[in-house]
Amino acid sequence: MTMKRFMLFMAVIACTMTVCSQTEHLKFMGFPLDGTIDSFQSKLATKEVKPNTELNKVIGVGTRAFDGSFAGYESEIYVYYEKRTKTVYRAKACMTETDKGLSEQIYDKLKTMLTEKYGEPEHIGESEGHESVSFLNDEGLISLYANQYKETYPYKHIIHVDYYDAVNYAKNKESVMDDL
């Protein structure tokens, strides 16, 4: 996440924490980013999203990886949760293409759909030479950005759609800060 997006999101969290008890959570694939990772995994399973066992062996506690379809595109899906309470606070879909033109088409289509659903982006910036946009509402932040993975050939172009629930992200951050 770029520093500008991070600062924007931190401002949202500060505003959210001052509002009296929010009960709505940002939704990812139609499911609120709330509850435990196991219950969230069960909800994803209803949409035929399956755990990626190999990837889950190497990523640490606090993240769980899945394979499935997001907005009609085959994706790797990552769900982030607080390690102690297992509460979900963030989810991300990543679509990988080797064709740059196709990658740009997917980005543009997702941007159009997100704009249709959430309104004009709050922030338009740049990430690794590509446009990035952020959508902000009372429930949280959604970031759309692309990057290029140059470690393999053909190069991989990855489109990221990242959802941060304001309340549970703030709780996770507070838990991490307690450790410091």
N, C-alpha and C. Protein backbone atom coordinates (compact mmCIF):
# COMPACT_ATOMS: atom_id res chain seq x y z
N MET A 1 0.86 -1.15 0.00
CA MET A 1 0.00 0.00 0.00
C MET A 1 0.91 1.22 0.00
N THR A 2 0.60 2.18 -0.86
CA THR A 2 1.41 3.38 -0.91
C THR A 2 1.16 4.22 0.34
N MET A 3 2.08 5.11 0.61
CA MET A 3 1.98 5.94 1.82
C MET A 3 0.72 6.80 1.77
N LYS A 4 0.38 7.34 0.60
CA LYS A 4 -0.82 8.18 0.50
C LYS A 4 -2.07 7.39 0.83
N ARG A 5 -2.16 6.15 0.31
CA ARG A 5 -3.34 5.32 0.60
C ARG A 5 -3.37 4.98 2.08
N PHE A 6 -2.20 4.70 2.65
CA PHE A 6 -2.12 4.35 4.06
C PHE A 6 -2.60 5.53 4.92
N MET A 7 -2.13 6.73 4.60
CA MET A 7 -2.52 7.91 5.37
C MET A 7 -4.02 8.17 5.22
N LEU A 8 -4.54 8.00 4.01
CA LEU A 8 -5.96 8.17 3.77
C LEU A 8 -6.75 7.18 4.62
N PHE A 9 -6.30 5.95 4.63
CA PHE A 9 -7.00 4.93 5.40
C PHE A 9 -6.92 5.20 6.90
N MET A 10 -5.77 5.65 7.37
CA MET A 10 -5.64 5.95 8.79
C MET A 10 -6.58 7.09 9.20
N ALA A 11 -6.79 8.05 8.31
CA ALA A 11 -7.73 9.13 8.59
C ALA A 11 -9.15 8.58 8.71
N VAL A 12 -9.48 7.62 7.84
CA VAL A 12 -10.81 6.99 7.90
C VAL A 12 -10.98 6.25 9.21
N ILE A 13 -9.95 5.54 9.62
CA ILE A 13 -10.03 4.80 10.88
C ILE A 13 -10.25 5.75 12.04
N ALA A 14 -9.53 6.87 12.05
CA ALA A 14 -9.69 7.84 13.12
C ALA A 14 -11.12 8.37 13.17
N CYS A 15 -11.67 8.67 12.00
CA CYS A 15 -13.06 9.14 11.94
C CYS A 15 -14.03 8.06 12.39
N THR A 16 -13.77 6.85 11.98
CA THR A 16 -14.65 5.73 12.31
C THR A 16 -14.67 5.48 13.82
N MET A 17 -13.50 5.57 14.43
CA MET A 17 -13.41 5.29 15.86
C MET A 17 -14.15 6.36 16.67
N THR A 18 -14.31 7.58 16.13
CA THR A 18 -15.01 8.62 16.86
C THR A 18 -16.52 8.50 16.71
N VAL A 19 -16.96 7.81 15.70
CA VAL A 19 -18.40 7.62 15.49
C VAL A 19 -18.86 6.55 16.47
N CYS A 20 -20.02 6.77 17.08
CA CYS A 20 -20.48 5.78 18.04
C CYS A 20 -20.76 4.45 17.35
N SER A 21 -20.39 3.42 17.99
CA SER A 21 -20.39 2.01 17.60
C SER A 21 -20.98 1.69 16.23
N GLN A 22 -20.10 1.51 15.31
CA GLN A 22 -20.50 1.13 13.95
C GLN A 22 -20.83 -0.35 13.93
N THR A 23 -21.92 -0.70 13.27
CA THR A 23 -22.30 -2.10 13.20
C THR A 23 -22.12 -2.66 11.80
N GLU A 24 -21.98 -1.80 10.82
CA GLU A 24 -21.81 -2.26 9.45
C GLU A 24 -20.35 -2.52 9.15
N HIS A 25 -20.10 -3.56 8.40
CA HIS A 25 -18.74 -3.90 7.99
C HIS A 25 -18.67 -3.90 6.47
N LEU A 26 -17.50 -3.59 5.96
CA LEU A 26 -17.27 -3.63 4.53
C LEU A 26 -17.46 -5.07 4.06
N LYS A 27 -18.04 -5.22 2.89
CA LYS A 27 -18.29 -6.56 2.36
C LYS A 27 -17.32 -6.90 1.25
N PHE A 28 -16.88 -8.15 1.26
CA PHE A 28 -16.02 -8.71 0.23
C PHE A 28 -16.74 -9.93 -0.32
N MET A 29 -17.01 -9.92 -1.61
CA MET A 29 -17.75 -11.00 -2.27
C MET A 29 -19.12 -11.21 -1.63
N GLY A 30 -19.68 -10.13 -1.10
CA GLY A 30 -21.00 -10.18 -0.49
C GLY A 30 -21.01 -10.55 0.98
N PHE A 31 -19.85 -10.82 1.57
CA PHE A 31 -19.76 -11.22 2.97
C PHE A 31 -19.08 -10.13 3.79
N PRO A 32 -19.67 -9.76 4.95
CA PRO A 32 -19.03 -8.75 5.80
C PRO A 32 -17.65 -9.23 6.27
N LEU A 33 -16.70 -8.32 6.29
CA LEU A 33 -15.36 -8.63 6.80
C LEU A 33 -15.43 -8.59 8.32
N ASP A 34 -15.99 -9.65 8.86
CA ASP A 34 -16.20 -9.76 10.29
C ASP A 34 -16.27 -11.24 10.63
N GLY A 35 -16.22 -11.55 11.89
CA GLY A 35 -16.26 -12.95 12.32
C GLY A 35 -14.88 -13.58 12.22
N THR A 36 -14.83 -14.86 12.50
CA THR A 36 -13.54 -15.56 12.51
C THR A 36 -13.14 -16.00 11.10
N ILE A 37 -11.87 -16.31 10.96
CA ILE A 37 -11.37 -16.77 9.66
C ILE A 37 -12.07 -18.07 9.26
N ASP A 38 -12.35 -18.95 10.21
CA ASP A 38 -13.01 -20.21 9.86
C ASP A 38 -14.43 -19.99 9.36
N SER A 39 -15.16 -19.06 10.00
CA SER A 39 -16.53 -18.79 9.53
C SER A 39 -16.49 -18.08 8.17
N PHE A 40 -15.50 -17.21 7.97
CA PHE A 40 -15.38 -16.52 6.69
C PHE A 40 -15.01 -17.53 5.60
N GLN A 41 -14.14 -18.47 5.91
CA GLN A 41 -13.78 -19.51 4.94
C GLN A 41 -15.01 -20.33 4.56
N SER A 42 -15.86 -20.63 5.51
CA SER A 42 -17.10 -21.37 5.21
C SER A 42 -18.00 -20.59 4.26
N LYS A 43 -18.07 -19.28 4.45
CA LYS A 43 -18.88 -18.45 3.56
C LYS A 43 -18.29 -18.45 2.15
N LEU A 44 -16.97 -18.32 2.04
CA LEU A 44 -16.32 -18.34 0.73
C LEU A 44 -16.56 -19.68 0.02
N ALA A 45 -16.60 -20.75 0.78
CA ALA A 45 -16.82 -22.08 0.20
C ALA A 45 -18.17 -22.15 -0.53
N THR A 46 -19.14 -21.37 -0.08
CA THR A 46 -20.44 -21.37 -0.76
C THR A 46 -20.35 -20.79 -2.16
N LYS A 47 -19.26 -20.07 -2.44
CA LYS A 47 -19.02 -19.51 -3.77
C LYS A 47 -17.91 -20.27 -4.49
N GLU A 48 -17.68 -21.49 -4.03
CA GLU A 48 -16.68 -22.39 -4.62
C GLU A 48 -15.26 -21.83 -4.57
N VAL A 49 -14.96 -21.07 -3.53
CA VAL A 49 -13.62 -20.57 -3.28
C VAL A 49 -12.96 -21.57 -2.34
N LYS A 50 -11.83 -22.12 -2.79
CA LYS A 50 -11.17 -23.23 -2.08
C LYS A 50 -9.84 -22.78 -1.48
N PRO A 51 -9.48 -23.30 -0.31
CA PRO A 51 -8.17 -22.98 0.26
C PRO A 51 -7.04 -23.44 -0.67
N ASN A 52 -5.98 -22.65 -0.74
CA ASN A 52 -4.78 -23.01 -1.50
C ASN A 52 -3.82 -23.65 -0.50
N THR A 53 -3.87 -24.96 -0.40
CA THR A 53 -3.11 -25.69 0.62
C THR A 53 -1.61 -25.46 0.52
N GLU A 54 -1.08 -25.48 -0.68
CA GLU A 54 0.37 -25.30 -0.86
C GLU A 54 0.81 -23.91 -0.40
N LEU A 55 0.09 -22.90 -0.79
CA LEU A 55 0.45 -21.54 -0.40
C LEU A 55 0.26 -21.33 1.10
N ASN A 56 -0.77 -21.93 1.65
CA ASN A 56 -1.02 -21.78 3.09
C ASN A 56 0.07 -22.42 3.94
N LYS A 57 0.82 -23.35 3.38
CA LYS A 57 1.93 -23.95 4.12
C LYS A 57 3.08 -22.96 4.32
N VAL A 58 3.21 -21.99 3.41
CA VAL A 58 4.36 -21.08 3.47
C VAL A 58 4.02 -19.67 3.96
N ILE A 59 2.77 -19.26 3.89
CA ILE A 59 2.43 -17.94 4.43
C ILE A 59 2.17 -18.09 5.92
N GLY A 60 2.39 -17.05 6.65
CA GLY A 60 2.30 -17.13 8.10
C GLY A 60 0.90 -17.07 8.64
N VAL A 61 0.82 -17.27 9.94
CA VAL A 61 -0.45 -17.13 10.66
C VAL A 61 -0.89 -15.68 10.51
N GLY A 62 -2.16 -15.50 10.28
CA GLY A 62 -2.69 -14.15 10.09
C GLY A 62 -3.16 -13.92 8.66
N THR A 63 -2.81 -14.84 7.77
CA THR A 63 -3.24 -14.75 6.37
C THR A 63 -3.63 -16.14 5.91
N ARG A 64 -4.69 -16.22 5.16
CA ARG A 64 -5.09 -17.50 4.56
C ARG A 64 -5.34 -17.26 3.08
N ALA A 65 -4.81 -18.16 2.24
CA ALA A 65 -4.90 -18.03 0.78
C ALA A 65 -5.95 -18.98 0.21
N PHE A 66 -6.61 -18.52 -0.85
CA PHE A 66 -7.65 -19.29 -1.51
C PHE A 66 -7.52 -19.13 -3.02
N ASP A 67 -8.17 -20.01 -3.75
CA ASP A 67 -8.30 -19.90 -5.19
C ASP A 67 -9.78 -19.89 -5.51
N GLY A 68 -10.17 -19.02 -6.44
CA GLY A 68 -11.56 -18.95 -6.82
C GLY A 68 -11.80 -17.85 -7.82
N SER A 69 -13.05 -17.53 -8.01
CA SER A 69 -13.44 -16.50 -8.95
C SER A 69 -13.84 -15.24 -8.19
N PHE A 70 -13.34 -14.10 -8.64
CA PHE A 70 -13.69 -12.81 -8.08
C PHE A 70 -14.14 -11.92 -9.23
N ALA A 71 -15.35 -11.43 -9.18
CA ALA A 71 -15.91 -10.55 -10.22
C ALA A 71 -15.76 -11.17 -11.61
N GLY A 72 -15.84 -12.50 -11.68
CA GLY A 72 -15.77 -13.19 -12.96
C GLY A 72 -14.37 -13.56 -13.42
N TYR A 73 -13.36 -13.26 -12.62
CA TYR A 73 -11.96 -13.56 -12.99
C TYR A 73 -11.35 -14.56 -12.02
N GLU A 74 -10.64 -15.54 -12.57
CA GLU A 74 -9.92 -16.48 -11.71
C GLU A 74 -8.90 -15.69 -10.90
N SER A 75 -8.87 -15.96 -9.60
CA SER A 75 -8.08 -15.14 -8.69
C SER A 75 -7.45 -15.95 -7.58
N GLU A 76 -6.37 -15.40 -7.06
CA GLU A 76 -5.87 -15.82 -5.76
C GLU A 76 -6.50 -14.85 -4.77
N ILE A 77 -7.04 -15.37 -3.71
CA ILE A 77 -7.73 -14.55 -2.72
C ILE A 77 -7.00 -14.73 -1.39
N TYR A 78 -6.74 -13.61 -0.74
CA TYR A 78 -6.07 -13.62 0.56
C TYR A 78 -7.00 -12.99 1.58
N VAL A 79 -7.14 -13.65 2.72
CA VAL A 79 -7.95 -13.12 3.80
C VAL A 79 -7.02 -12.96 5.00
N TYR A 80 -7.04 -11.76 5.57
CA TYR A 80 -6.17 -11.42 6.69
C TYR A 80 -7.00 -11.38 7.97
N TYR A 81 -6.43 -11.90 9.05
CA TYR A 81 -7.16 -11.97 10.31
C TYR A 81 -6.22 -11.71 11.48
N GLU A 82 -6.79 -11.24 12.57
CA GLU A 82 -6.03 -10.97 13.78
C GLU A 82 -5.63 -12.31 14.38
N LYS A 83 -4.36 -12.46 14.72
CA LYS A 83 -3.82 -13.75 15.14
C LYS A 83 -4.44 -14.28 16.44
N ARG A 84 -4.74 -13.42 17.37
CA ARG A 84 -5.24 -13.89 18.67
C ARG A 84 -6.73 -14.21 18.63
N THR A 85 -7.52 -13.28 18.07
CA THR A 85 -8.97 -13.47 18.08
C THR A 85 -9.48 -14.19 16.84
N LYS A 86 -8.63 -14.25 15.81
CA LYS A 86 -8.96 -14.85 14.50
C LYS A 86 -9.99 -14.02 13.74
N THR A 87 -10.21 -12.76 14.14
CA THR A 87 -11.19 -11.90 13.49
C THR A 87 -10.67 -11.38 12.15
N VAL A 88 -11.47 -11.53 11.13
CA VAL A 88 -11.14 -11.08 9.77
C VAL A 88 -11.22 -9.56 9.72
N TYR A 89 -10.22 -8.92 9.06
CA TYR A 89 -10.24 -7.47 8.92
C TYR A 89 -9.92 -6.99 7.51
N ARG A 90 -9.44 -7.88 6.65
CA ARG A 90 -9.02 -7.47 5.30
C ARG A 90 -9.13 -8.67 4.37
N ALA A 91 -9.45 -8.39 3.10
CA ALA A 91 -9.45 -9.43 2.07
C ALA A 91 -8.98 -8.81 0.77
N LYS A 92 -8.35 -9.65 -0.05
CA LYS A 92 -7.74 -9.16 -1.28
C LYS A 92 -7.87 -10.21 -2.37
N ALA A 93 -8.20 -9.75 -3.57
CA ALA A 93 -8.23 -10.63 -4.74
C ALA A 93 -7.13 -10.18 -5.69
N CYS A 94 -6.39 -11.15 -6.23
CA CYS A 94 -5.30 -10.87 -7.17
C CYS A 94 -5.52 -11.67 -8.45
N MET A 95 -5.60 -10.95 -9.55
CA MET A 95 -5.74 -11.58 -10.86
C MET A 95 -4.42 -11.43 -11.60
N THR A 96 -3.89 -12.54 -12.14
CA THR A 96 -2.59 -12.53 -12.81
C THR A 96 -2.77 -12.82 -14.29
N GLU A 97 -2.15 -11.98 -15.10
CA GLU A 97 -2.16 -12.15 -16.56
C GLU A 97 -0.74 -11.98 -17.09
N THR A 98 -0.42 -12.67 -18.17
CA THR A 98 0.89 -12.47 -18.81
C THR A 98 0.79 -11.44 -19.93
N ASP A 99 -0.41 -11.15 -20.39
CA ASP A 99 -0.60 -10.17 -21.45
C ASP A 99 -0.93 -8.81 -20.83
N LYS A 100 -0.07 -7.82 -21.10
CA LYS A 100 -0.25 -6.50 -20.52
C LYS A 100 -1.57 -5.86 -20.95
N GLY A 101 -1.92 -5.99 -22.22
CA GLY A 101 -3.17 -5.41 -22.72
C GLY A 101 -4.38 -5.99 -22.02
N LEU A 102 -4.41 -7.30 -21.83
CA LEU A 102 -5.52 -7.95 -21.14
C LEU A 102 -5.57 -7.49 -19.68
N SER A 103 -4.40 -7.37 -19.08
CA SER A 103 -4.32 -6.89 -17.70
C SER A 103 -4.93 -5.49 -17.58
N GLU A 104 -4.61 -4.62 -18.52
CA GLU A 104 -5.15 -3.25 -18.50
C GLU A 104 -6.66 -3.25 -18.70
N GLN A 105 -7.17 -4.16 -19.53
CA GLN A 105 -8.62 -4.26 -19.74
C GLN A 105 -9.33 -4.70 -18.45
N ILE A 106 -8.73 -5.66 -17.76
CA ILE A 106 -9.31 -6.14 -16.50
C ILE A 106 -9.33 -5.00 -15.48
N TYR A 107 -8.20 -4.29 -15.36
CA TYR A 107 -8.12 -3.16 -14.44
C TYR A 107 -9.22 -2.14 -14.74
N ASP A 108 -9.34 -1.77 -16.01
CA ASP A 108 -10.34 -0.77 -16.40
C ASP A 108 -11.76 -1.25 -16.10
N LYS A 109 -12.04 -2.52 -16.36
CA LYS A 109 -13.37 -3.05 -16.10
C LYS A 109 -13.67 -3.05 -14.60
N LEU A 110 -12.70 -3.46 -13.79
CA LEU A 110 -12.90 -3.46 -12.33
C LEU A 110 -13.08 -2.04 -11.81
N LYS A 111 -12.30 -1.10 -12.34
CA LYS A 111 -12.44 0.30 -11.92
C LYS A 111 -13.84 0.82 -12.25
N THR A 112 -14.32 0.49 -13.43
CA THR A 112 -15.67 0.91 -13.83
C THR A 112 -16.72 0.31 -12.90
N MET A 113 -16.59 -0.97 -12.60
CA MET A 113 -17.57 -1.63 -11.72
C MET A 113 -17.51 -1.06 -10.31
N LEU A 114 -16.31 -0.84 -9.77
CA LEU A 114 -16.18 -0.28 -8.43
C LEU A 114 -16.74 1.14 -8.38
N THR A 115 -16.51 1.93 -9.42
CA THR A 115 -17.04 3.29 -9.48
C THR A 115 -18.57 3.26 -9.52
N GLU A 116 -19.11 2.32 -10.27
CA GLU A 116 -20.56 2.17 -10.35
C GLU A 116 -21.16 1.84 -8.99
N LYS A 117 -20.48 0.99 -8.24
CA LYS A 117 -21.00 0.55 -6.94
C LYS A 117 -20.71 1.55 -5.82
N TYR A 118 -19.50 2.15 -5.79
CA TYR A 118 -19.08 2.98 -4.66
C TYR A 118 -18.96 4.46 -4.96
N GLY A 119 -19.19 4.87 -6.20
CA GLY A 119 -19.05 6.28 -6.55
C GLY A 119 -17.64 6.57 -7.03
N GLU A 120 -17.39 7.83 -7.32
CA GLU A 120 -16.07 8.23 -7.83
C GLU A 120 -14.99 7.92 -6.78
N PRO A 121 -13.80 7.54 -7.24
CA PRO A 121 -12.71 7.25 -6.30
C PRO A 121 -12.37 8.47 -5.45
N GLU A 122 -12.02 8.22 -4.19
CA GLU A 122 -11.57 9.28 -3.30
C GLU A 122 -10.15 9.72 -3.66
N HIS A 123 -9.39 8.78 -4.19
CA HIS A 123 -7.98 9.06 -4.48
C HIS A 123 -7.60 8.36 -5.78
N ILE A 124 -6.93 9.10 -6.65
CA ILE A 124 -6.35 8.51 -7.85
C ILE A 124 -4.86 8.82 -7.78
N GLY A 125 -4.06 7.79 -7.84
CA GLY A 125 -2.61 7.97 -7.74
C GLY A 125 -1.88 7.04 -8.66
N GLU A 126 -0.71 6.64 -8.21
CA GLU A 126 0.13 5.77 -9.01
C GLU A 126 0.81 4.75 -8.11
N SER A 127 0.92 3.54 -8.62
CA SER A 127 1.63 2.48 -7.92
C SER A 127 2.49 1.75 -8.95
N GLU A 128 3.79 1.84 -8.78
CA GLU A 128 4.74 1.18 -9.68
C GLU A 128 4.50 1.53 -11.15
N GLY A 129 4.22 2.80 -11.42
CA GLY A 129 4.04 3.24 -12.79
C GLY A 129 2.66 3.00 -13.37
N HIS A 130 1.76 2.47 -12.57
CA HIS A 130 0.38 2.21 -13.02
C HIS A 130 -0.57 3.06 -12.18
N GLU A 131 -1.72 3.40 -12.77
CA GLU A 131 -2.74 4.11 -12.02
C GLU A 131 -3.21 3.25 -10.85
N SER A 132 -3.54 3.90 -9.75
CA SER A 132 -4.18 3.22 -8.62
C SER A 132 -5.33 4.10 -8.15
N VAL A 133 -6.38 3.48 -7.67
CA VAL A 133 -7.54 4.23 -7.18
C VAL A 133 -7.97 3.65 -5.84
N SER A 134 -8.56 4.52 -5.01
CA SER A 134 -9.08 4.11 -3.71
C SER A 134 -10.49 4.62 -3.54
N PHE A 135 -11.34 3.76 -3.04
CA PHE A 135 -12.73 4.08 -2.76
C PHE A 135 -12.91 4.02 -1.25
N LEU A 136 -13.53 5.05 -0.71
CA LEU A 136 -13.64 5.19 0.73
C LEU A 136 -15.10 5.37 1.11
N ASN A 137 -15.53 4.63 2.14
CA ASN A 137 -16.86 4.87 2.69
C ASN A 137 -16.81 4.62 4.18
N ASP A 138 -17.95 4.72 4.85
CA ASP A 138 -17.97 4.56 6.30
C ASP A 138 -17.51 3.18 6.76
N GLU A 139 -17.68 2.18 5.90
CA GLU A 139 -17.31 0.81 6.28
C GLU A 139 -15.83 0.51 6.08
N GLY A 140 -15.14 1.27 5.23
CA GLY A 140 -13.72 0.99 5.03
C GLY A 140 -13.17 1.54 3.73
N LEU A 141 -12.13 0.90 3.26
CA LEU A 141 -11.38 1.34 2.09
C LEU A 141 -11.22 0.19 1.11
N ILE A 142 -11.37 0.51 -0.19
CA ILE A 142 -11.11 -0.46 -1.25
C ILE A 142 -10.07 0.16 -2.16
N SER A 143 -8.99 -0.56 -2.38
CA SER A 143 -7.92 -0.09 -3.27
C SER A 143 -7.82 -1.01 -4.47
N LEU A 144 -7.65 -0.39 -5.63
CA LEU A 144 -7.44 -1.12 -6.88
C LEU A 144 -6.12 -0.63 -7.46
N TYR A 145 -5.21 -1.56 -7.71
CA TYR A 145 -3.92 -1.19 -8.28
C TYR A 145 -3.35 -2.38 -9.04
N ALA A 146 -2.33 -2.09 -9.84
CA ALA A 146 -1.69 -3.14 -10.64
C ALA A 146 -0.18 -3.02 -10.48
N ASN A 147 0.49 -4.14 -10.65
CA ASN A 147 1.94 -4.12 -10.70
C ASN A 147 2.43 -5.22 -11.63
N GLN A 148 3.71 -5.19 -11.89
CA GLN A 148 4.30 -6.16 -12.81
C GLN A 148 5.37 -6.93 -12.05
N TYR A 149 5.29 -8.24 -12.12
CA TYR A 149 6.24 -9.13 -11.48
C TYR A 149 7.28 -9.52 -12.53
N LYS A 150 8.50 -9.03 -12.37
CA LYS A 150 9.52 -9.21 -13.40
C LYS A 150 10.49 -10.34 -13.11
N GLU A 151 10.22 -11.14 -12.13
CA GLU A 151 11.13 -12.23 -11.77
C GLU A 151 11.02 -13.42 -12.70
N THR A 152 9.98 -13.49 -13.46
CA THR A 152 9.79 -14.60 -14.41
C THR A 152 9.51 -14.05 -15.79
N TYR A 153 9.67 -14.87 -16.77
CA TYR A 153 9.29 -14.48 -18.12
C TYR A 153 8.38 -15.56 -18.67
N PRO A 154 7.26 -15.29 -19.26
CA PRO A 154 6.78 -13.93 -19.51
C PRO A 154 6.42 -13.22 -18.20
N TYR A 155 6.54 -11.89 -18.24
CA TYR A 155 6.22 -11.09 -17.07
C TYR A 155 4.78 -11.31 -16.65
N LYS A 156 4.56 -11.24 -15.35
CA LYS A 156 3.21 -11.37 -14.83
C LYS A 156 2.70 -9.98 -14.46
N HIS A 157 1.51 -9.67 -14.91
CA HIS A 157 0.84 -8.42 -14.56
C HIS A 157 -0.25 -8.79 -13.57
N ILE A 158 -0.19 -8.19 -12.39
CA ILE A 158 -1.11 -8.57 -11.32
C ILE A 158 -2.00 -7.39 -10.96
N ILE A 159 -3.30 -7.63 -10.97
CA ILE A 159 -4.29 -6.63 -10.58
C ILE A 159 -4.75 -7.00 -9.17
N HIS A 160 -4.70 -6.04 -8.27
CA HIS A 160 -5.06 -6.25 -6.87
C HIS A 160 -6.33 -5.45 -6.56
N VAL A 161 -7.26 -6.09 -5.87
CA VAL A 161 -8.43 -5.40 -5.31
C VAL A 161 -8.41 -5.72 -3.82
N ASP A 162 -8.15 -4.70 -3.02
CA ASP A 162 -7.85 -4.87 -1.61
C ASP A 162 -8.94 -4.18 -0.76
N TYR A 163 -9.60 -4.93 0.12
CA TYR A 163 -10.69 -4.44 0.96
C TYR A 163 -10.23 -4.40 2.42
N TYR A 164 -10.34 -3.23 3.06
CA TYR A 164 -9.99 -3.06 4.47
C TYR A 164 -11.25 -2.64 5.23
N ASP A 165 -11.69 -3.46 6.16
CA ASP A 165 -12.81 -3.08 7.02
C ASP A 165 -12.30 -2.09 8.06
N ALA A 166 -12.95 -0.93 8.18
CA ALA A 166 -12.46 0.13 9.06
C ALA A 166 -12.40 -0.31 10.53
N VAL A 167 -13.47 -0.87 11.04
CA VAL A 167 -13.52 -1.21 12.46
C VAL A 167 -12.54 -2.33 12.80
N ASN A 168 -12.59 -3.43 12.08
CA ASN A 168 -11.73 -4.57 12.42
C ASN A 168 -10.27 -4.31 12.08
N TYR A 169 -9.99 -3.49 11.07
CA TYR A 169 -8.60 -3.11 10.79
C TYR A 169 -8.04 -2.30 11.95
N ALA A 170 -8.85 -1.38 12.48
CA ALA A 170 -8.42 -0.57 13.62
C ALA A 170 -8.17 -1.45 14.85
N LYS A 171 -9.04 -2.43 15.07
CA LYS A 171 -8.85 -3.35 16.21
C LYS A 171 -7.57 -4.16 16.03
N ASN A 172 -7.30 -4.62 14.80
CA ASN A 172 -6.08 -5.37 14.56
C ASN A 172 -4.86 -4.50 14.81
N LYS A 173 -4.90 -3.27 14.32
CA LYS A 173 -3.79 -2.34 14.51
C LYS A 173 -3.56 -2.09 16.00
N GLU A 174 -4.65 -1.93 16.75
CA GLU A 174 -4.54 -1.71 18.19
C GLU A 174 -3.89 -2.92 18.86
N SER A 175 -4.26 -4.12 18.44
CA SER A 175 -3.67 -5.34 19.00
C SER A 175 -2.17 -5.40 18.71
N VAL A 176 -1.79 -5.04 17.50
CA VAL A 176 -0.37 -5.03 17.14
C VAL A 176 0.37 -3.98 17.96
N MET A 177 -0.23 -2.80 18.12
CA MET A 177 0.41 -1.73 18.87
C MET A 177 0.58 -2.11 20.35
N ASP A 178 -0.33 -2.93 20.88
CA ASP A 178 -0.18 -3.39 22.25
C ASP A 178 1.10 -4.18 22.45
N ASP A 179 1.58 -4.81 21.40
CA ASP A 179 2.82 -5.60 21.48
C ASP A 179 4.06 -4.72 21.57
N LEU A 180 3.93 -3.47 21.12
CA LEU A 180 5.12 -2.59 21.07
C LEU A 180 5.40 -1.93 22.39
